[in-house]
């Protein structure tokens, strides 16, 4: 006698999967669009910002944010980690 494959009803699991994907898109879109939108704006005035030796990435981001060089210290840190390396930041 052949065994029937037991299957779950597709309703609940499929809806949860769709909801999860929608949630990822809703959260992910601003994270990817915001840096692009910031990049496309006209550059602001030139600022001189001194970052002392030994300052962490978070500290440098805060100084840049305080001087209005960047729009968001948090966004800067996230993009620096995504686009950069794990190596310490260096002058220049």
PDB file of N, CA and C in Angstrom:
ATOM      1  N   UNK A   1       0.840  -1.167   0.000  1.00  0.00           N
ATOM      2  CA  UNK A   1       0.000   0.000   0.000  1.00  0.00           C
ATOM      3  C   UNK A   1       0.898   1.247   0.000  1.00  0.00           C
ATOM      4  N   UNK A   2       0.591   2.159  -0.860  1.00  0.00           N
ATOM      5  CA  UNK A   2       1.384   3.388  -0.968  1.00  0.00           C
ATOM      6  C   UNK A   2       1.012   4.357   0.145  1.00  0.00           C
ATOM      7  N   UNK A   3       2.032   5.017   0.684  1.00  0.00           N
ATOM      8  CA  UNK A   3       1.787   5.996   1.746  1.00  0.00           C
ATOM      9  C   UNK A   3       1.475   7.343   1.115  1.00  0.00           C
ATOM     10  N   UNK A   4       0.514   7.999   1.677  1.00  0.00           N
ATOM     11  CA  UNK A   4       0.187   9.341   1.201  1.00  0.00           C
ATOM     12  C   UNK A   4       1.115  10.328   1.871  1.00  0.00           C
ATOM     13  N   UNK A   5       1.583  11.264   1.121  1.00  0.00           N
ATOM     14  CA  UNK A   5       2.451  12.312   1.676  1.00  0.00           C
ATOM     15  C   UNK A   5       1.597  13.250   2.507  1.00  0.00           C
ATOM     16  N   UNK A   6       2.045  13.459   3.736  1.00  0.00           N
ATOM     17  CA  UNK A   6       1.290  14.401   4.572  1.00  0.00           C
ATOM     18  C   UNK A   6       1.716  15.819   4.202  1.00  0.00           C
ATOM     19  N   UNK A   7       0.734  16.655   4.006  1.00  0.00           N
ATOM     20  CA  UNK A   7       1.010  18.035   3.619  1.00  0.00           C
ATOM     21  C   UNK A   7       0.251  18.961   4.542  1.00  0.00           C
ATOM     22  N   UNK A   8       0.920  20.065   4.863  1.00  0.00           N
ATOM     23  CA  UNK A   8       0.240  21.092   5.648  1.00  0.00           C
ATOM     24  C   UNK A   8      -0.625  21.929   4.724  1.00  0.00           C
ATOM     25  N   UNK A   9      -1.675  22.468   5.253  1.00  0.00           N
ATOM     26  CA  UNK A   9      -2.442  23.405   4.434  1.00  0.00           C
ATOM     27  C   UNK A   9      -1.568  24.604   4.075  1.00  0.00           C
ATOM     28  N   UNK A  10      -1.683  25.076   2.851  1.00  0.00           N
ATOM     29  CA  UNK A  10      -0.815  26.143   2.358  1.00  0.00           C
ATOM     30  C   UNK A  10      -1.176  27.511   2.904  1.00  0.00           C
ATOM     31  N   UNK A  11      -2.282  27.666   3.552  1.00  0.00           N
ATOM     32  CA  UNK A  11      -2.764  28.974   3.973  1.00  0.00           C
ATOM     33  C   UNK A  11      -1.857  29.739   4.922  1.00  0.00           C
ATOM     34  N   UNK A  12      -1.640  29.220   6.124  1.00  0.00           N
ATOM     35  CA  UNK A  12      -0.921  29.968   7.153  1.00  0.00           C
ATOM     36  C   UNK A  12       0.551  30.176   6.838  1.00  0.00           C
ATOM     37  N   UNK A  13       1.242  29.155   6.418  1.00  0.00           N
ATOM     38  CA  UNK A  13       2.665  29.263   6.118  1.00  0.00           C
ATOM     39  C   UNK A  13       2.949  30.194   4.954  1.00  0.00           C
ATOM     40  N   UNK A  14       2.126  30.094   3.926  1.00  0.00           N
ATOM     41  CA  UNK A  14       2.313  30.946   2.757  1.00  0.00           C
ATOM     42  C   UNK A  14       2.059  32.405   3.101  1.00  0.00           C
ATOM     43  N   UNK A  15       1.024  32.669   3.906  1.00  0.00           N
ATOM     44  CA  UNK A  15       0.738  34.053   4.302  1.00  0.00           C
ATOM     45  C   UNK A  15       1.865  34.615   5.143  1.00  0.00           C
ATOM     46  N   UNK A  16       2.431  33.812   6.032  1.00  0.00           N
ATOM     47  CA  UNK A  16       3.541  34.277   6.874  1.00  0.00           C
ATOM     48  C   UNK A  16       4.763  34.587   6.018  1.00  0.00           C
ATOM     49  N   UNK A  17       5.015  33.771   5.015  1.00  0.00           N
ATOM     50  CA  UNK A  17       6.153  34.009   4.120  1.00  0.00           C
ATOM     51  C   UNK A  17       5.971  35.299   3.331  1.00  0.00           C
ATOM     52  N   UNK A  18       4.785  35.503   2.817  1.00  0.00           N
ATOM     53  CA  UNK A  18       4.502  36.728   2.060  1.00  0.00           C
ATOM     54  C   UNK A  18       4.620  37.947   2.975  1.00  0.00           C
ATOM     55  N   UNK A  19       4.091  37.850   4.184  1.00  0.00           N
ATOM     56  CA  UNK A  19       4.178  38.965   5.132  1.00  0.00           C
ATOM     57  C   UNK A  19       5.631  39.270   5.466  1.00  0.00           C
ATOM     58  N   UNK A  20       6.459  38.239   5.619  1.00  0.00           N
ATOM     59  CA  UNK A  20       7.876  38.430   5.922  1.00  0.00           C
ATOM     60  C   UNK A  20       8.585  39.140   4.776  1.00  0.00           C
ATOM     61  N   UNK A  21       8.316  38.732   3.544  1.00  0.00           N
ATOM     62  CA  UNK A  21       8.934  39.372   2.379  1.00  0.00           C
ATOM     63  C   UNK A  21       8.488  40.818   2.265  1.00  0.00           C
ATOM     64  N   UNK A  22       7.218  41.083   2.475  1.00  0.00           N
ATOM     65  CA  UNK A  22       6.710  42.456   2.427  1.00  0.00           C
ATOM     66  C   UNK A  22       7.384  43.304   3.497  1.00  0.00           C
ATOM     67  N   UNK A  23       7.534  42.758   4.697  1.00  0.00           N
ATOM     68  CA  UNK A  23       8.200  43.479   5.780  1.00  0.00           C
ATOM     69  C   UNK A  23       9.650  43.790   5.421  1.00  0.00           C
ATOM     70  N   UNK A  24      10.359  42.834   4.840  1.00  0.00           N
ATOM     71  CA  UNK A  24      11.736  43.075   4.413  1.00  0.00           C
ATOM     72  C   UNK A  24      11.817  44.188   3.375  1.00  0.00           C
ATOM     73  N   UNK A  25      10.894  44.201   2.429  1.00  0.00           N
ATOM     74  CA  UNK A  25      10.886  45.236   1.395  1.00  0.00           C
ATOM     75  C   UNK A  25      10.593  46.597   2.012  1.00  0.00           C
ATOM     76  N   UNK A  26       9.615  46.653   2.907  1.00  0.00           N
ATOM     77  CA  UNK A  26       9.235  47.925   3.532  1.00  0.00           C
ATOM     78  C   UNK A  26      10.389  48.484   4.360  1.00  0.00           C
ATOM     79  N   UNK A  27      11.103  47.633   5.065  1.00  0.00           N
ATOM     80  CA  UNK A  27      12.232  48.088   5.874  1.00  0.00           C
ATOM     81  C   UNK A  27      13.461  48.334   5.006  1.00  0.00           C
ATOM     82  N   UNK A  28      13.665  47.497   4.016  1.00  0.00           N
ATOM     83  CA  UNK A  28      14.864  47.585   3.194  1.00  0.00           C
ATOM     84  C   UNK A  28      14.887  48.750   2.223  1.00  0.00           C
ATOM     85  N   UNK A  29      13.751  49.123   1.690  1.00  0.00           N
ATOM     86  CA  UNK A  29      13.717  50.211   0.708  1.00  0.00           C
ATOM     87  C   UNK A  29      14.299  51.512   1.253  1.00  0.00           C
ATOM     88  N   UNK A  30      13.866  51.991   2.417  1.00  0.00           N
ATOM     89  CA  UNK A  30      14.468  53.233   2.912  1.00  0.00           C
ATOM     90  C   UNK A  30      15.974  53.110   3.160  1.00  0.00           C
ATOM     91  N   UNK A  31      16.428  51.939   3.569  1.00  0.00           N
ATOM     92  CA  UNK A  31      17.857  51.759   3.825  1.00  0.00           C
ATOM     93  C   UNK A  31      18.678  51.869   2.547  1.00  0.00           C
ATOM     94  N   UNK A  32      18.124  51.451   1.423  1.00  0.00           N
ATOM     95  CA  UNK A  32      18.857  51.514   0.170  1.00  0.00           C
ATOM     96  C   UNK A  32      18.592  52.803  -0.600  1.00  0.00           C
ATOM     97  N   UNK A  33      17.413  53.370  -0.484  1.00  0.00           N
ATOM     98  CA  UNK A  33      17.077  54.586  -1.218  1.00  0.00           C
ATOM     99  C   UNK A  33      17.677  55.821  -0.545  1.00  0.00           C
ATOM    100  N   UNK A  34      17.697  55.851   0.773  1.00  0.00           N
ATOM    101  CA  UNK A  34      18.174  57.023   1.496  1.00  0.00           C
ATOM    102  C   UNK A  34      19.617  57.397   1.163  1.00  0.00           C
ATOM    103  N   UNK A  35      20.560  56.465   1.151  1.00  0.00           N
ATOM    104  CA  UNK A  35      21.927  56.853   0.785  1.00  0.00           C
ATOM    105  C   UNK A  35      22.010  57.364  -0.654  1.00  0.00           C
ATOM    106  N   UNK A  36      21.293  56.738  -1.563  1.00  0.00           N
ATOM    107  CA  UNK A  36      21.298  57.196  -2.944  1.00  0.00           C
ATOM    108  C   UNK A  36      20.727  58.606  -3.034  1.00  0.00           C
ATOM    109  N   UNK A  37      19.630  58.850  -2.330  1.00  0.00           N
ATOM    110  CA  UNK A  37      18.988  60.160  -2.360  1.00  0.00           C
ATOM    111  C   UNK A  37      19.936  61.220  -1.793  1.00  0.00           C
ATOM    112  N   UNK A  38      20.632  60.893  -0.708  1.00  0.00           N
ATOM    113  CA  UNK A  38      21.587  61.821  -0.105  1.00  0.00           C
ATOM    114  C   UNK A  38      22.732  62.108  -1.070  1.00  0.00           C
ATOM    115  N   UNK A  39      23.162  61.105  -1.803  1.00  0.00           N
ATOM    116  CA  UNK A  39      24.270  61.246  -2.729  1.00  0.00           C
ATOM    117  C   UNK A  39      23.890  62.154  -3.900  1.00  0.00           C
ATOM    118  N   UNK A  40      22.638  62.133  -4.296  1.00  0.00           N
ATOM    119  CA  UNK A  40      22.199  62.885  -5.467  1.00  0.00           C
ATOM    120  C   UNK A  40      21.968  64.370  -5.188  1.00  0.00           C
ATOM    121  N   UNK A  41      21.960  64.747  -3.920  1.00  0.00           N
ATOM    122  CA  UNK A  41      21.767  66.162  -3.598  1.00  0.00           C
ATOM    123  C   UNK A  41      23.022  66.958  -3.948  1.00  0.00           C
ATOM    124  N   UNK A  42      22.844  68.278  -4.109  1.00  0.00           N
ATOM    125  CA  UNK A  42      23.989  69.148  -4.338  1.00  0.00           C
ATOM    126  C   UNK A  42      24.885  69.155  -3.111  1.00  0.00           C
ATOM    127  N   UNK A  43      26.198  69.238  -3.318  1.00  0.00           N
ATOM    128  CA  UNK A  43      27.088  69.270  -2.159  1.00  0.00           C
ATOM    129  C   UNK A  43      26.892  70.566  -1.377  1.00  0.00           C
ATOM    130  N   UNK A  44      27.068  70.465  -0.083  1.00  0.00           N
ATOM    131  CA  UNK A  44      26.936  71.633   0.779  1.00  0.00           C
ATOM    132  C   UNK A  44      28.251  72.403   0.849  1.00  0.00           C
ATOM    133  N   UNK A  45      28.323  73.355   1.771  1.00  0.00           N
ATOM    134  CA  UNK A  45      29.549  74.131   1.914  1.00  0.00           C
ATOM    135  C   UNK A  45      30.704  73.266   2.437  1.00  0.00           C
ATOM    136  N   UNK A  46      31.917  73.713   2.177  1.00  0.00           N
ATOM    137  CA  UNK A  46      33.105  72.998   2.614  1.00  0.00           C
ATOM    138  C   UNK A  46      33.322  73.255   4.104  1.00  0.00           C
ATOM    139  N   UNK A  47      33.626  72.182   4.844  1.00  0.00           N
ATOM    140  CA  UNK A  47      33.901  72.281   6.278  1.00  0.00           C
ATOM    141  C   UNK A  47      35.254  71.638   6.558  1.00  0.00           C
ATOM    142  N   UNK A  48      35.984  72.216   7.496  1.00  0.00           N
ATOM    143  CA  UNK A  48      37.193  71.566   8.008  1.00  0.00           C
ATOM    144  C   UNK A  48      36.817  70.893   9.311  1.00  0.00           C
ATOM    145  N   UNK A  49      37.028  69.596   9.375  1.00  0.00           N
ATOM    146  CA  UNK A  49      36.720  68.836  10.577  1.00  0.00           C
ATOM    147  C   UNK A  49      37.984  68.096  10.983  1.00  0.00           C
ATOM    148  N   UNK A  50      38.380  68.262  12.237  1.00  0.00           N
ATOM    149  CA  UNK A  50      39.562  67.578  12.744  1.00  0.00           C
ATOM    150  C   UNK A  50      39.102  66.351  13.524  1.00  0.00           C
ATOM    151  N   UNK A  51      39.599  65.208  13.112  1.00  0.00           N
ATOM    152  CA  UNK A  51      39.308  63.946  13.802  1.00  0.00           C
ATOM    153  C   UNK A  51      40.608  63.523  14.496  1.00  0.00           C
ATOM    154  N   UNK A  52      40.657  63.552  15.824  1.00  0.00           N
ATOM    155  CA  UNK A  52      41.894  63.206  16.531  1.00  0.00           C
ATOM    156  C   UNK A  52      42.331  61.761  16.289  1.00  0.00           C
ATOM    157  N   UNK A  53      43.624  61.536  16.359  1.00  0.00           N
ATOM    158  CA  UNK A  53      44.182  60.195  16.228  1.00  0.00           C
ATOM    159  C   UNK A  53      43.568  59.276  17.273  1.00  0.00           C
ATOM    160  N   UNK A  54      43.231  58.074  16.859  1.00  0.00           N
ATOM    161  CA  UNK A  54      42.680  57.091  17.782  1.00  0.00           C
ATOM    162  C   UNK A  54      41.169  57.140  17.916  1.00  0.00           C
ATOM    163  N   UNK A  55      40.519  58.074  17.221  1.00  0.00           N
ATOM    164  CA  UNK A  55      39.066  58.164  17.272  1.00  0.00           C
ATOM    165  C   UNK A  55      38.449  56.960  16.567  1.00  0.00           C
ATOM    166  N   UNK A  56      37.411  56.411  17.152  1.00  0.00           N
ATOM    167  CA  UNK A  56      36.721  55.273  16.545  1.00  0.00           C
ATOM    168  C   UNK A  56      35.865  55.740  15.377  1.00  0.00           C
ATOM    169  N   UNK A  57      35.367  54.797  14.624  1.00  0.00           N
ATOM    170  CA  UNK A  57      34.466  55.119  13.515  1.00  0.00           C
ATOM    171  C   UNK A  57      33.224  55.838  14.034  1.00  0.00           C
ATOM    172  N   UNK A  58      32.689  55.361  15.147  1.00  0.00           N
ATOM    173  CA  UNK A  58      31.499  55.995  15.740  1.00  0.00           C
ATOM    174  C   UNK A  58      31.816  57.426  16.168  1.00  0.00           C
ATOM    175  N   UNK A  59      32.981  57.641  16.760  1.00  0.00           N
ATOM    176  CA  UNK A  59      33.376  58.982  17.178  1.00  0.00           C
ATOM    177  C   UNK A  59      33.566  59.916  16.000  1.00  0.00           C
ATOM    178  N   UNK A  60      34.188  59.406  14.939  1.00  0.00           N
ATOM    179  CA  UNK A  60      34.379  60.213  13.731  1.00  0.00           C
ATOM    180  C   UNK A  60      33.032  60.552  13.099  1.00  0.00           C
ATOM    181  N   UNK A  61      32.130  59.580  13.072  1.00  0.00           N
ATOM    182  CA  UNK A  61      30.798  59.826  12.512  1.00  0.00           C
ATOM    183  C   UNK A  61      30.063  60.891  13.311  1.00  0.00           C
ATOM    184  N   UNK A  62      30.177  60.854  14.630  1.00  0.00           N
ATOM    185  CA  UNK A  62      29.523  61.867  15.472  1.00  0.00           C
ATOM    186  C   UNK A  62      30.097  63.259  15.196  1.00  0.00           C
ATOM    187  N   UNK A  63      31.418  63.357  15.063  1.00  0.00           N
ATOM    188  CA  UNK A  63      32.041  64.654  14.770  1.00  0.00           C
ATOM    189  C   UNK A  63      31.581  65.192  13.414  1.00  0.00           C
ATOM    190  N   UNK A  64      31.522  64.318  12.425  1.00  0.00           N
ATOM    191  CA  UNK A  64      31.060  64.738  11.102  1.00  0.00           C
ATOM    192  C   UNK A  64      29.596  65.158  11.136  1.00  0.00           C
ATOM    193  N   UNK A  65      28.792  64.446  11.900  1.00  0.00           N
ATOM    194  CA  UNK A  65      27.375  64.793  12.035  1.00  0.00           C
ATOM    195  C   UNK A  65      27.213  66.126  12.760  1.00  0.00           C
ATOM    196  N   UNK A  66      27.992  66.338  13.820  1.00  0.00           N
ATOM    197  CA  UNK A  66      27.928  67.597  14.564  1.00  0.00           C
ATOM    198  C   UNK A  66      28.321  68.791  13.699  1.00  0.00           C
ATOM    199  N   UNK A  67      29.249  68.578  12.754  1.00  0.00           N
ATOM    200  CA  UNK A  67      29.693  69.648  11.860  1.00  0.00           C
ATOM    201  C   UNK A  67      28.796  69.774  10.628  1.00  0.00           C
ATOM    202  N   UNK A  68      27.712  69.013  10.581  1.00  0.00           N
ATOM    203  CA  UNK A  68      26.774  69.008   9.449  1.00  0.00           C
ATOM    204  C   UNK A  68      27.439  68.634   8.128  1.00  0.00           C
ATOM    205  N   UNK A  69      28.433  67.762   8.200  1.00  0.00           N
ATOM    206  CA  UNK A  69      29.084  67.264   6.996  1.00  0.00           C
ATOM    207  C   UNK A  69      28.314  66.073   6.438  1.00  0.00           C
ATOM    208  N   UNK A  70      27.717  65.285   7.318  1.00  0.00           N
ATOM    209  CA  UNK A  70      26.902  64.144   6.916  1.00  0.00           C
ATOM    210  C   UNK A  70      25.504  64.304   7.501  1.00  0.00           C
ATOM    211  N   UNK A  71      24.548  63.619   6.910  1.00  0.00           N
ATOM    212  CA  UNK A  71      23.161  63.745   7.358  1.00  0.00           C
ATOM    213  C   UNK A  71      22.866  62.917   8.605  1.00  0.00           C
ATOM    214  N   UNK A  72      23.536  61.766   8.750  1.00  0.00           N
ATOM    215  CA  UNK A  72      23.223  60.868   9.851  1.00  0.00           C
ATOM    216  C   UNK A  72      24.464  60.076  10.247  1.00  0.00           C
ATOM    217  N   UNK A  73      24.847  60.157  11.512  1.00  0.00           N
ATOM    218  CA  UNK A  73      26.001  59.396  11.999  1.00  0.00           C
ATOM    219  C   UNK A  73      25.718  57.897  11.941  1.00  0.00           C
ATOM    220  N   UNK A  74      24.509  57.508  12.285  1.00  0.00           N
ATOM    221  CA  UNK A  74      24.155  56.086  12.260  1.00  0.00           C
ATOM    222  C   UNK A  74      24.205  55.510  10.860  1.00  0.00           C
ATOM    223  N   UNK A  75      23.654  56.228   9.915  1.00  0.00           N
ATOM    224  CA  UNK A  75      23.664  55.778   8.527  1.00  0.00           C
ATOM    225  C   UNK A  75      25.104  55.720   8.007  1.00  0.00           C
ATOM    226  N   UNK A  76      25.920  56.688   8.388  1.00  0.00           N
ATOM    227  CA  UNK A  76      27.322  56.704   7.982  1.00  0.00           C
ATOM    228  C   UNK A  76      28.044  55.460   8.484  1.00  0.00           C
ATOM    229  N   UNK A  77      27.811  55.108   9.758  1.00  0.00           N
ATOM    230  CA  UNK A  77      28.464  53.923  10.337  1.00  0.00           C
ATOM    231  C   UNK A  77      28.032  52.647   9.619  1.00  0.00           C
ATOM    232  N   UNK A  78      26.749  52.531   9.332  1.00  0.00           N
ATOM    233  CA  UNK A  78      26.250  51.337   8.647  1.00  0.00           C
ATOM    234  C   UNK A  78      26.871  51.219   7.254  1.00  0.00           C
ATOM    235  N   UNK A  79      26.865  52.315   6.503  1.00  0.00           N
ATOM    236  CA  UNK A  79      27.429  52.276   5.156  1.00  0.00           C
ATOM    237  C   UNK A  79      28.932  52.056   5.183  1.00  0.00           C
ATOM    238  N   UNK A  80      29.617  52.625   6.171  1.00  0.00           N
ATOM    239  CA  UNK A  80      31.063  52.412   6.278  1.00  0.00           C
ATOM    240  C   UNK A  80      31.367  50.945   6.523  1.00  0.00           C
ATOM    241  N   UNK A  81      30.573  50.281   7.330  1.00  0.00           N
ATOM    242  CA  UNK A  81      30.785  48.853   7.593  1.00  0.00           C
ATOM    243  C   UNK A  81      30.429  47.998   6.381  1.00  0.00           C
ATOM    244  N   UNK A  82      29.378  48.388   5.653  1.00  0.00           N
ATOM    245  CA  UNK A  82      28.971  47.623   4.479  1.00  0.00           C
ATOM    246  C   UNK A  82      29.963  47.811   3.331  1.00  0.00           C
ATOM    247  N   UNK A  83      30.351  49.059   3.066  1.00  0.00           N
ATOM    248  CA  UNK A  83      31.188  49.362   1.913  1.00  0.00           C
ATOM    249  C   UNK A  83      32.681  49.302   2.215  1.00  0.00           C
ATOM    250  N   UNK A  84      33.045  49.442   3.483  1.00  0.00           N
ATOM    251  CA  UNK A  84      34.457  49.449   3.854  1.00  0.00           C
ATOM    252  C   UNK A  84      34.909  48.094   4.351  1.00  0.00           C
ATOM    253  N   UNK A  85      36.022  48.127   5.006  1.00  0.00           N
ATOM    254  CA  UNK A  85      36.548  46.882   5.560  1.00  0.00           C
ATOM    255  C   UNK A  85      36.490  46.958   7.080  1.00  0.00           C
ATOM    256  N   UNK A  86      36.917  45.916   7.721  1.00  0.00           N
ATOM    257  CA  UNK A  86      36.961  45.884   9.184  1.00  0.00           C
ATOM    258  C   UNK A  86      38.242  46.543   9.711  1.00  0.00           C
ATOM    259  N   UNK A  87      39.107  46.970   8.817  1.00  0.00           N
ATOM    260  CA  UNK A  87      40.360  47.601   9.232  1.00  0.00           C
ATOM    261  C   UNK A  87      40.067  48.948   9.893  1.00  0.00           C
ATOM    262  N   UNK A  88      40.924  49.383  10.801  1.00  0.00           N
ATOM    263  CA  UNK A  88      40.728  50.683  11.437  1.00  0.00           C
ATOM    264  C   UNK A  88      40.752  51.812  10.398  1.00  0.00           C
ATOM    265  N   UNK A  89      40.060  52.889  10.696  1.00  0.00           N
ATOM    266  CA  UNK A  89      40.053  54.028   9.777  1.00  0.00           C
ATOM    267  C   UNK A  89      41.406  54.725   9.842  1.00  0.00           C
ATOM    268  N   UNK A  90      41.788  55.336   8.729  1.00  0.00           N
ATOM    269  CA  UNK A  90      43.078  56.013   8.648  1.00  0.00           C
ATOM    270  C   UNK A  90      42.881  57.411   8.098  1.00  0.00           C
ATOM    271  N   UNK A  91      43.866  58.247   8.321  1.00  0.00           N
ATOM    272  CA  UNK A  91      43.825  59.619   7.814  1.00  0.00           C
ATOM    273  C   UNK A  91      43.824  59.607   6.290  1.00  0.00           C
ATOM    274  N   UNK A  92      43.156  60.615   5.730  1.00  0.00           N
ATOM    275  CA  UNK A  92      43.170  60.784   4.281  1.00  0.00           C
ATOM    276  C   UNK A  92      41.941  60.272   3.665  1.00  0.00           C
TER     277      UNK A  92
END
